Amino acid sequence: MNRGFIILFAVLLVGFVFGAVMANNVVQLEATIPASDTYLAISVDKTYFSFGNVSKGKDSADNFYVNNTGTEDVLVTASLSGSTNTEFDDYIYLKKYGTSVFMPVREFNMTISKNSSSRLWVNLSLVNYSSPIYRDISYKVNMTIRAVPV
């Protein structure tokens, strides 16, 4: 009887071990869920520019990239806000890299295709500034780059 009990115990133990192992099998599920919605998204590669000292009759420029990371072509515009001296806001210009004409920020626009980038130049030009400057002026302004659907 002890031998029968040991055999029964061994059968139950083997069944339990194999049953427990089989109950813990992992099944991996996978699916591709295609994008069905569109979105607008842009980024810029720089968030700060310093034009340094810009004297009357001179200008200073720097460049940056605007990246269209969204799913649609966009129209990019810009605006200025938070100026420490609004008199100089009219002397900030933008142009697309490779073009010859700088445009005032408020007039600037360009199209950027989805998943692409464009290089822009930003310029503080006091070449045509004619008012007197009797003391040093610390000029700061925020430029917002916006994207709207084409």
N, C-alpha and C. Protein backbone atom coordinates (compact mmCIF):
# COMPACT_ATOMS: atom_id res chain seq x y z
N MET A 1 0.82 -1.18 0.00
CA MET A 1 0.00 0.00 0.00
C MET A 1 0.87 1.25 0.00
N ASN A 2 1.97 1.20 0.66
CA ASN A 2 2.86 2.33 0.63
C ASN A 2 3.41 2.56 -0.77
N ARG A 3 3.66 1.44 -1.44
CA ARG A 3 4.17 1.55 -2.81
C ARG A 3 3.11 2.15 -3.72
N GLY A 4 1.87 1.78 -3.60
CA GLY A 4 0.78 2.34 -4.38
C GLY A 4 0.61 3.83 -4.09
N PHE A 5 0.75 4.20 -2.84
CA PHE A 5 0.63 5.60 -2.45
C PHE A 5 1.76 6.42 -3.07
N ILE A 6 2.96 5.86 -3.09
CA ILE A 6 4.11 6.57 -3.67
C ILE A 6 3.92 6.74 -5.16
N ILE A 7 3.43 5.71 -5.85
CA ILE A 7 3.19 5.80 -7.30
C ILE A 7 2.10 6.84 -7.58
N LEU A 8 1.02 6.82 -6.83
CA LEU A 8 -0.05 7.80 -7.01
C LEU A 8 0.48 9.21 -6.76
N PHE A 9 1.27 9.37 -5.71
CA PHE A 9 1.83 10.68 -5.40
C PHE A 9 2.74 11.14 -6.54
N ALA A 10 3.58 10.24 -7.10
CA ALA A 10 4.48 10.57 -8.20
C ALA A 10 3.70 10.96 -9.44
N VAL A 11 2.62 10.26 -9.76
CA VAL A 11 1.78 10.58 -10.93
C VAL A 11 1.13 11.95 -10.75
N LEU A 12 0.61 12.21 -9.56
CA LEU A 12 -0.01 13.51 -9.31
C LEU A 12 1.02 14.64 -9.37
N LEU A 13 2.21 14.40 -8.84
CA LEU A 13 3.26 15.41 -8.86
C LEU A 13 3.67 15.72 -10.29
N VAL A 14 3.89 14.72 -11.12
CA VAL A 14 4.27 14.92 -12.52
C VAL A 14 3.15 15.64 -13.25
N GLY A 15 1.92 15.25 -13.04
CA GLY A 15 0.78 15.91 -13.68
C GLY A 15 0.68 17.36 -13.25
N PHE A 16 0.89 17.63 -12.00
CA PHE A 16 0.83 19.01 -11.50
C PHE A 16 1.92 19.87 -12.13
N VAL A 17 3.17 19.33 -12.19
CA VAL A 17 4.29 20.09 -12.75
C VAL A 17 4.04 20.39 -14.22
N PHE A 18 3.66 19.39 -15.01
CA PHE A 18 3.42 19.63 -16.43
C PHE A 18 2.19 20.49 -16.65
N GLY A 19 1.20 20.30 -15.86
CA GLY A 19 0.00 21.13 -15.96
C GLY A 19 0.29 22.58 -15.62
N ALA A 20 1.10 22.81 -14.61
CA ALA A 20 1.45 24.17 -14.20
C ALA A 20 2.30 24.84 -15.27
N VAL A 21 3.22 24.09 -15.87
CA VAL A 21 4.07 24.65 -16.92
C VAL A 21 3.23 25.00 -18.13
N MET A 22 2.34 24.16 -18.49
CA MET A 22 1.50 24.40 -19.66
C MET A 22 0.52 25.54 -19.40
N ALA A 23 0.13 25.76 -18.19
CA ALA A 23 -0.79 26.83 -17.87
C ALA A 23 -0.12 28.19 -17.94
N ASN A 24 1.21 28.23 -17.92
CA ASN A 24 1.93 29.49 -17.93
C ASN A 24 2.55 29.81 -19.28
N ASN A 25 2.12 29.18 -20.34
CA ASN A 25 2.65 29.51 -21.66
C ASN A 25 2.29 30.95 -22.01
N VAL A 26 3.22 31.65 -22.68
CA VAL A 26 3.00 33.03 -23.08
C VAL A 26 2.69 33.06 -24.56
N VAL A 27 1.64 33.74 -24.90
CA VAL A 27 1.26 33.91 -26.29
C VAL A 27 1.44 35.39 -26.63
N GLN A 28 2.29 35.68 -27.62
CA GLN A 28 2.52 37.07 -28.01
C GLN A 28 1.51 37.45 -29.08
N LEU A 29 0.90 38.60 -28.88
CA LEU A 29 -0.07 39.12 -29.84
C LEU A 29 0.54 40.34 -30.52
N GLU A 30 0.30 40.48 -31.80
CA GLU A 30 0.88 41.60 -32.53
C GLU A 30 -0.10 42.07 -33.58
N ALA A 31 -0.13 43.39 -33.79
CA ALA A 31 -0.97 43.97 -34.83
C ALA A 31 -0.37 45.30 -35.26
N THR A 32 -0.61 45.69 -36.47
CA THR A 32 -0.25 47.02 -36.94
C THR A 32 -1.53 47.83 -37.01
N ILE A 33 -1.54 48.95 -36.32
CA ILE A 33 -2.71 49.82 -36.31
C ILE A 33 -2.33 51.06 -37.09
N PRO A 34 -2.81 51.18 -38.32
CA PRO A 34 -2.37 52.29 -39.16
C PRO A 34 -2.89 53.64 -38.66
N ALA A 35 -2.06 54.66 -38.88
CA ALA A 35 -2.46 56.02 -38.51
C ALA A 35 -3.64 56.43 -39.37
N SER A 36 -4.64 56.98 -38.73
CA SER A 36 -5.81 57.42 -39.47
C SER A 36 -6.14 58.88 -39.22
N ASP A 37 -5.37 59.52 -38.33
CA ASP A 37 -5.61 60.92 -38.02
C ASP A 37 -4.40 61.75 -38.44
N THR A 38 -4.64 63.00 -38.71
CA THR A 38 -3.57 63.91 -39.07
C THR A 38 -3.31 64.88 -37.93
N TYR A 39 -2.13 65.42 -37.89
CA TYR A 39 -1.81 66.41 -36.88
C TYR A 39 -0.73 67.35 -37.41
N LEU A 40 -0.70 68.54 -36.86
CA LEU A 40 0.31 69.53 -37.21
C LEU A 40 1.33 69.60 -36.07
N ALA A 41 2.59 69.59 -36.43
CA ALA A 41 3.64 69.70 -35.41
C ALA A 41 4.90 70.25 -36.07
N ILE A 42 5.47 71.27 -35.44
CA ILE A 42 6.75 71.79 -35.90
C ILE A 42 7.67 71.92 -34.69
N SER A 43 8.95 71.97 -34.98
CA SER A 43 9.95 72.23 -33.94
C SER A 43 11.03 73.10 -34.55
N VAL A 44 11.76 73.79 -33.69
CA VAL A 44 12.90 74.59 -34.14
C VAL A 44 14.14 74.07 -33.44
N ASP A 45 15.28 74.22 -34.10
CA ASP A 45 16.50 73.67 -33.53
C ASP A 45 17.24 74.63 -32.61
N LYS A 46 16.79 75.88 -32.55
CA LYS A 46 17.39 76.86 -31.62
C LYS A 46 16.27 77.62 -30.93
N THR A 47 16.50 77.96 -29.69
CA THR A 47 15.50 78.73 -28.95
C THR A 47 16.05 80.05 -28.43
N TYR A 48 17.28 80.39 -28.82
CA TYR A 48 17.88 81.64 -28.36
C TYR A 48 18.87 82.13 -29.41
N PHE A 49 18.81 83.41 -29.69
CA PHE A 49 19.77 84.07 -30.58
C PHE A 49 20.30 85.31 -29.88
N SER A 50 21.56 85.58 -30.05
CA SER A 50 22.13 86.84 -29.58
C SER A 50 22.77 87.51 -30.79
N PHE A 51 22.24 88.66 -31.15
CA PHE A 51 22.81 89.40 -32.28
C PHE A 51 24.05 90.18 -31.89
N GLY A 52 24.35 90.23 -30.61
CA GLY A 52 25.52 90.97 -30.14
C GLY A 52 25.25 92.47 -30.23
N ASN A 53 26.30 93.25 -30.40
CA ASN A 53 26.16 94.70 -30.56
C ASN A 53 25.84 95.01 -32.02
N VAL A 54 24.70 95.67 -32.25
CA VAL A 54 24.31 96.05 -33.60
C VAL A 54 24.19 97.57 -33.64
N SER A 55 25.13 98.21 -34.30
CA SER A 55 25.14 99.68 -34.38
C SER A 55 24.21 100.16 -35.48
N LYS A 56 23.78 101.41 -35.35
CA LYS A 56 22.97 102.03 -36.40
C LYS A 56 23.74 101.95 -37.71
N GLY A 57 23.06 101.57 -38.78
CA GLY A 57 23.69 101.40 -40.08
C GLY A 57 24.24 100.00 -40.31
N LYS A 58 24.12 99.10 -39.33
CA LYS A 58 24.65 97.73 -39.44
C LYS A 58 23.53 96.71 -39.25
N ASP A 59 23.84 95.46 -39.48
CA ASP A 59 22.88 94.39 -39.21
C ASP A 59 23.61 93.17 -38.70
N SER A 60 22.83 92.21 -38.19
CA SER A 60 23.37 90.96 -37.68
C SER A 60 22.34 89.87 -37.94
N ALA A 61 22.79 88.71 -38.38
CA ALA A 61 21.86 87.63 -38.73
C ALA A 61 22.35 86.30 -38.18
N ASP A 62 21.41 85.40 -38.03
CA ASP A 62 21.70 84.03 -37.62
C ASP A 62 20.68 83.13 -38.30
N ASN A 63 20.91 81.83 -38.30
CA ASN A 63 19.98 80.92 -38.96
C ASN A 63 19.52 79.82 -38.02
N PHE A 64 18.41 79.21 -38.38
CA PHE A 64 17.85 78.10 -37.61
C PHE A 64 16.99 77.26 -38.53
N TYR A 65 16.66 76.06 -38.07
CA TYR A 65 15.82 75.16 -38.85
C TYR A 65 14.43 75.06 -38.23
N VAL A 66 13.44 75.02 -39.10
CA VAL A 66 12.07 74.70 -38.69
C VAL A 66 11.78 73.33 -39.28
N ASN A 67 11.42 72.39 -38.41
CA ASN A 67 11.17 71.00 -38.81
C ASN A 67 9.67 70.72 -38.76
N ASN A 68 9.12 70.24 -39.85
CA ASN A 68 7.72 69.84 -39.88
C ASN A 68 7.68 68.36 -39.52
N THR A 69 7.30 68.05 -38.30
CA THR A 69 7.25 66.67 -37.83
C THR A 69 5.83 66.12 -37.84
N GLY A 70 4.90 66.88 -38.39
CA GLY A 70 3.50 66.45 -38.46
C GLY A 70 3.23 65.61 -39.68
N THR A 71 1.95 65.36 -39.92
CA THR A 71 1.52 64.49 -41.01
C THR A 71 0.98 65.26 -42.21
N GLU A 72 1.02 66.59 -42.14
CA GLU A 72 0.48 67.42 -43.21
C GLU A 72 1.46 68.53 -43.56
N ASP A 73 1.37 69.04 -44.79
CA ASP A 73 2.12 70.23 -45.17
C ASP A 73 1.59 71.40 -44.36
N VAL A 74 2.48 72.35 -44.02
CA VAL A 74 2.06 73.48 -43.19
C VAL A 74 2.52 74.79 -43.80
N LEU A 75 1.79 75.84 -43.47
CA LEU A 75 2.17 77.22 -43.77
C LEU A 75 2.75 77.79 -42.48
N VAL A 76 3.99 78.24 -42.52
CA VAL A 76 4.68 78.75 -41.35
C VAL A 76 4.64 80.28 -41.36
N THR A 77 4.25 80.85 -40.24
CA THR A 77 4.26 82.30 -40.06
C THR A 77 4.98 82.61 -38.76
N ALA A 78 5.23 83.89 -38.53
CA ALA A 78 5.93 84.29 -37.30
C ALA A 78 5.33 85.59 -36.77
N SER A 79 5.49 85.79 -35.48
CA SER A 79 5.06 87.04 -34.86
C SER A 79 5.99 87.35 -33.70
N LEU A 80 6.01 88.63 -33.32
CA LEU A 80 6.84 89.08 -32.22
C LEU A 80 5.96 89.50 -31.05
N SER A 81 6.45 89.26 -29.83
CA SER A 81 5.71 89.67 -28.64
C SER A 81 6.69 89.90 -27.49
N GLY A 82 6.23 90.59 -26.46
CA GLY A 82 7.03 90.79 -25.26
C GLY A 82 8.26 91.64 -25.47
N SER A 83 8.20 92.55 -26.41
CA SER A 83 9.36 93.37 -26.74
C SER A 83 9.71 94.34 -25.62
N THR A 84 11.02 94.52 -25.41
CA THR A 84 11.47 95.52 -24.44
C THR A 84 11.53 96.91 -25.06
N ASN A 85 11.42 96.98 -26.39
CA ASN A 85 11.44 98.27 -27.09
C ASN A 85 10.80 98.06 -28.46
N THR A 86 9.50 98.27 -28.55
CA THR A 86 8.76 97.96 -29.78
C THR A 86 9.24 98.75 -30.99
N GLU A 87 9.95 99.83 -30.79
CA GLU A 87 10.47 100.61 -31.91
C GLU A 87 11.36 99.75 -32.81
N PHE A 88 12.04 98.78 -32.23
CA PHE A 88 12.96 97.96 -33.01
C PHE A 88 12.30 96.71 -33.60
N ASP A 89 11.05 96.43 -33.24
CA ASP A 89 10.37 95.26 -33.79
C ASP A 89 10.26 95.31 -35.31
N ASP A 90 10.16 96.51 -35.88
CA ASP A 90 10.05 96.66 -37.33
C ASP A 90 11.37 96.40 -38.05
N TYR A 91 12.41 96.13 -37.30
CA TYR A 91 13.73 95.91 -37.90
C TYR A 91 14.18 94.45 -37.78
N ILE A 92 13.25 93.59 -37.40
CA ILE A 92 13.52 92.14 -37.38
C ILE A 92 12.95 91.54 -38.66
N TYR A 93 13.78 90.81 -39.38
CA TYR A 93 13.39 90.26 -40.68
C TYR A 93 13.66 88.75 -40.72
N LEU A 94 12.93 88.06 -41.59
CA LEU A 94 13.13 86.64 -41.82
C LEU A 94 13.24 86.39 -43.32
N LYS A 95 13.95 85.33 -43.67
CA LYS A 95 13.95 84.85 -45.05
C LYS A 95 14.27 83.37 -45.05
N LYS A 96 13.77 82.70 -46.06
CA LYS A 96 14.09 81.30 -46.25
C LYS A 96 15.50 81.21 -46.83
N TYR A 97 16.28 80.27 -46.32
CA TYR A 97 17.65 80.09 -46.79
C TYR A 97 17.63 79.86 -48.30
N GLY A 98 18.50 80.53 -49.02
CA GLY A 98 18.58 80.38 -50.46
C GLY A 98 17.81 81.44 -51.23
N THR A 99 17.00 82.24 -50.53
CA THR A 99 16.32 83.34 -51.18
C THR A 99 17.08 84.63 -50.87
N SER A 100 16.83 85.65 -51.63
CA SER A 100 17.63 86.86 -51.49
C SER A 100 16.97 87.97 -50.69
N VAL A 101 15.67 87.88 -50.42
CA VAL A 101 14.96 89.00 -49.82
C VAL A 101 14.51 88.67 -48.40
N PHE A 102 14.96 89.49 -47.45
CA PHE A 102 14.44 89.43 -46.09
C PHE A 102 13.08 90.11 -46.06
N MET A 103 12.16 89.57 -45.29
CA MET A 103 10.82 90.15 -45.15
C MET A 103 10.59 90.50 -43.68
N PRO A 104 9.84 91.57 -43.40
CA PRO A 104 9.47 91.83 -42.00
C PRO A 104 8.76 90.60 -41.42
N VAL A 105 8.98 90.34 -40.16
CA VAL A 105 8.41 89.16 -39.52
C VAL A 105 6.90 89.06 -39.76
N ARG A 106 6.18 90.16 -39.61
CA ARG A 106 4.72 90.14 -39.75
C ARG A 106 4.26 89.78 -41.16
N GLU A 107 5.12 89.89 -42.16
CA GLU A 107 4.76 89.58 -43.55
C GLU A 107 5.27 88.22 -44.00
N PHE A 108 6.09 87.59 -43.19
CA PHE A 108 6.75 86.34 -43.60
C PHE A 108 5.80 85.15 -43.56
N ASN A 109 5.89 84.31 -44.58
CA ASN A 109 5.23 82.99 -44.57
C ASN A 109 5.93 82.10 -45.58
N MET A 110 5.86 80.83 -45.33
CA MET A 110 6.43 79.83 -46.24
C MET A 110 5.78 78.48 -45.97
N THR A 111 5.79 77.63 -46.95
CA THR A 111 5.23 76.29 -46.83
C THR A 111 6.36 75.29 -46.58
N ILE A 112 6.11 74.37 -45.64
CA ILE A 112 7.06 73.28 -45.39
C ILE A 112 6.28 71.97 -45.55
N SER A 113 6.78 71.11 -46.40
CA SER A 113 6.14 69.81 -46.62
C SER A 113 6.27 68.93 -45.39
N LYS A 114 5.35 67.98 -45.27
CA LYS A 114 5.41 67.07 -44.13
C LYS A 114 6.74 66.32 -44.13
N ASN A 115 7.21 66.04 -42.94
CA ASN A 115 8.46 65.31 -42.72
C ASN A 115 9.66 65.95 -43.41
N SER A 116 9.71 67.28 -43.42
CA SER A 116 10.87 67.96 -44.00
C SER A 116 11.22 69.17 -43.14
N SER A 117 12.33 69.80 -43.49
CA SER A 117 12.83 70.96 -42.73
C SER A 117 13.16 72.09 -43.69
N SER A 118 13.13 73.30 -43.16
CA SER A 118 13.58 74.46 -43.91
C SER A 118 14.47 75.31 -43.02
N ARG A 119 15.49 75.85 -43.63
CA ARG A 119 16.43 76.70 -42.91
C ARG A 119 16.01 78.15 -43.10
N LEU A 120 15.94 78.88 -42.01
CA LEU A 120 15.55 80.29 -42.05
C LEU A 120 16.68 81.16 -41.51
N TRP A 121 16.73 82.37 -42.01
CA TRP A 121 17.62 83.39 -41.48
C TRP A 121 16.78 84.42 -40.75
N VAL A 122 17.22 84.82 -39.59
CA VAL A 122 16.59 85.91 -38.85
C VAL A 122 17.63 87.03 -38.77
N ASN A 123 17.17 88.25 -38.99
CA ASN A 123 18.08 89.37 -39.13
C ASN A 123 17.57 90.58 -38.34
N LEU A 124 18.45 91.19 -37.57
CA LEU A 124 18.18 92.50 -36.97
C LEU A 124 18.98 93.49 -37.80
N SER A 125 18.26 94.29 -38.60
CA SER A 125 18.92 95.21 -39.51
C SER A 125 18.62 96.66 -39.14
N LEU A 126 19.65 97.36 -38.73
CA LEU A 126 19.53 98.79 -38.44
C LEU A 126 20.17 99.62 -39.57
N VAL A 127 20.29 99.02 -40.76
CA VAL A 127 20.88 99.69 -41.91
C VAL A 127 20.10 100.95 -42.25
N ASN A 128 18.77 100.90 -42.19
CA ASN A 128 17.94 102.06 -42.54
C ASN A 128 17.37 102.77 -41.31
N TYR A 129 17.89 102.47 -40.14
CA TYR A 129 17.40 103.12 -38.92
C TYR A 129 17.98 104.53 -38.85
N SER A 130 17.10 105.54 -38.70
CA SER A 130 17.58 106.91 -38.77
C SER A 130 17.39 107.72 -37.49
N SER A 131 16.64 107.20 -36.53
CA SER A 131 16.43 107.95 -35.29
C SER A 131 17.71 107.97 -34.47
N PRO A 132 17.89 109.04 -33.68
CA PRO A 132 19.10 109.10 -32.86
C PRO A 132 19.09 108.05 -31.74
N ILE A 133 20.26 107.56 -31.40
CA ILE A 133 20.43 106.62 -30.29
C ILE A 133 21.45 107.26 -29.36
N TYR A 134 20.97 107.78 -28.23
CA TYR A 134 21.83 108.54 -27.31
C TYR A 134 22.40 107.68 -26.18
N ARG A 135 21.84 106.49 -25.98
CA ARG A 135 22.32 105.62 -24.91
C ARG A 135 22.20 104.17 -25.38
N ASP A 136 22.93 103.27 -24.73
CA ASP A 136 22.83 101.85 -25.07
C ASP A 136 21.41 101.36 -24.79
N ILE A 137 20.93 100.50 -25.66
CA ILE A 137 19.58 99.94 -25.52
C ILE A 137 19.70 98.43 -25.47
N SER A 138 19.10 97.83 -24.47
CA SER A 138 19.04 96.37 -24.39
C SER A 138 17.72 95.94 -24.99
N TYR A 139 17.77 95.33 -26.14
CA TYR A 139 16.55 94.93 -26.87
C TYR A 139 16.36 93.43 -26.77
N LYS A 140 15.19 93.03 -26.33
CA LYS A 140 14.81 91.62 -26.28
C LYS A 140 13.38 91.49 -26.80
N VAL A 141 13.12 90.41 -27.49
CA VAL A 141 11.78 90.16 -28.02
C VAL A 141 11.61 88.64 -28.21
N ASN A 142 10.38 88.17 -28.09
CA ASN A 142 10.06 86.76 -28.34
C ASN A 142 9.50 86.63 -29.75
N MET A 143 9.98 85.65 -30.48
CA MET A 143 9.44 85.37 -31.82
C MET A 143 8.74 84.02 -31.77
N THR A 144 7.46 84.03 -32.10
CA THR A 144 6.67 82.80 -32.13
C THR A 144 6.55 82.31 -33.55
N ILE A 145 6.89 81.05 -33.77
CA ILE A 145 6.76 80.41 -35.09
C ILE A 145 5.49 79.56 -35.04
N ARG A 146 4.58 79.80 -35.98
CA ARG A 146 3.30 79.08 -36.00
C ARG A 146 3.17 78.26 -37.29
N ALA A 147 2.40 77.19 -37.18
CA ALA A 147 2.10 76.36 -38.35
C ALA A 147 0.59 76.21 -38.47
N VAL A 148 0.10 76.41 -39.67
CA VAL A 148 -1.33 76.21 -39.95
C VAL A 148 -1.43 75.29 -41.17
N PRO A 149 -2.54 74.58 -41.32
CA PRO A 149 -2.67 73.69 -42.48
C PRO A 149 -2.61 74.48 -43.80
N VAL A 150 -2.05 73.88 -44.79
CA VAL A 150 -1.99 74.53 -46.11
C VAL A 150 -3.34 74.40 -46.77
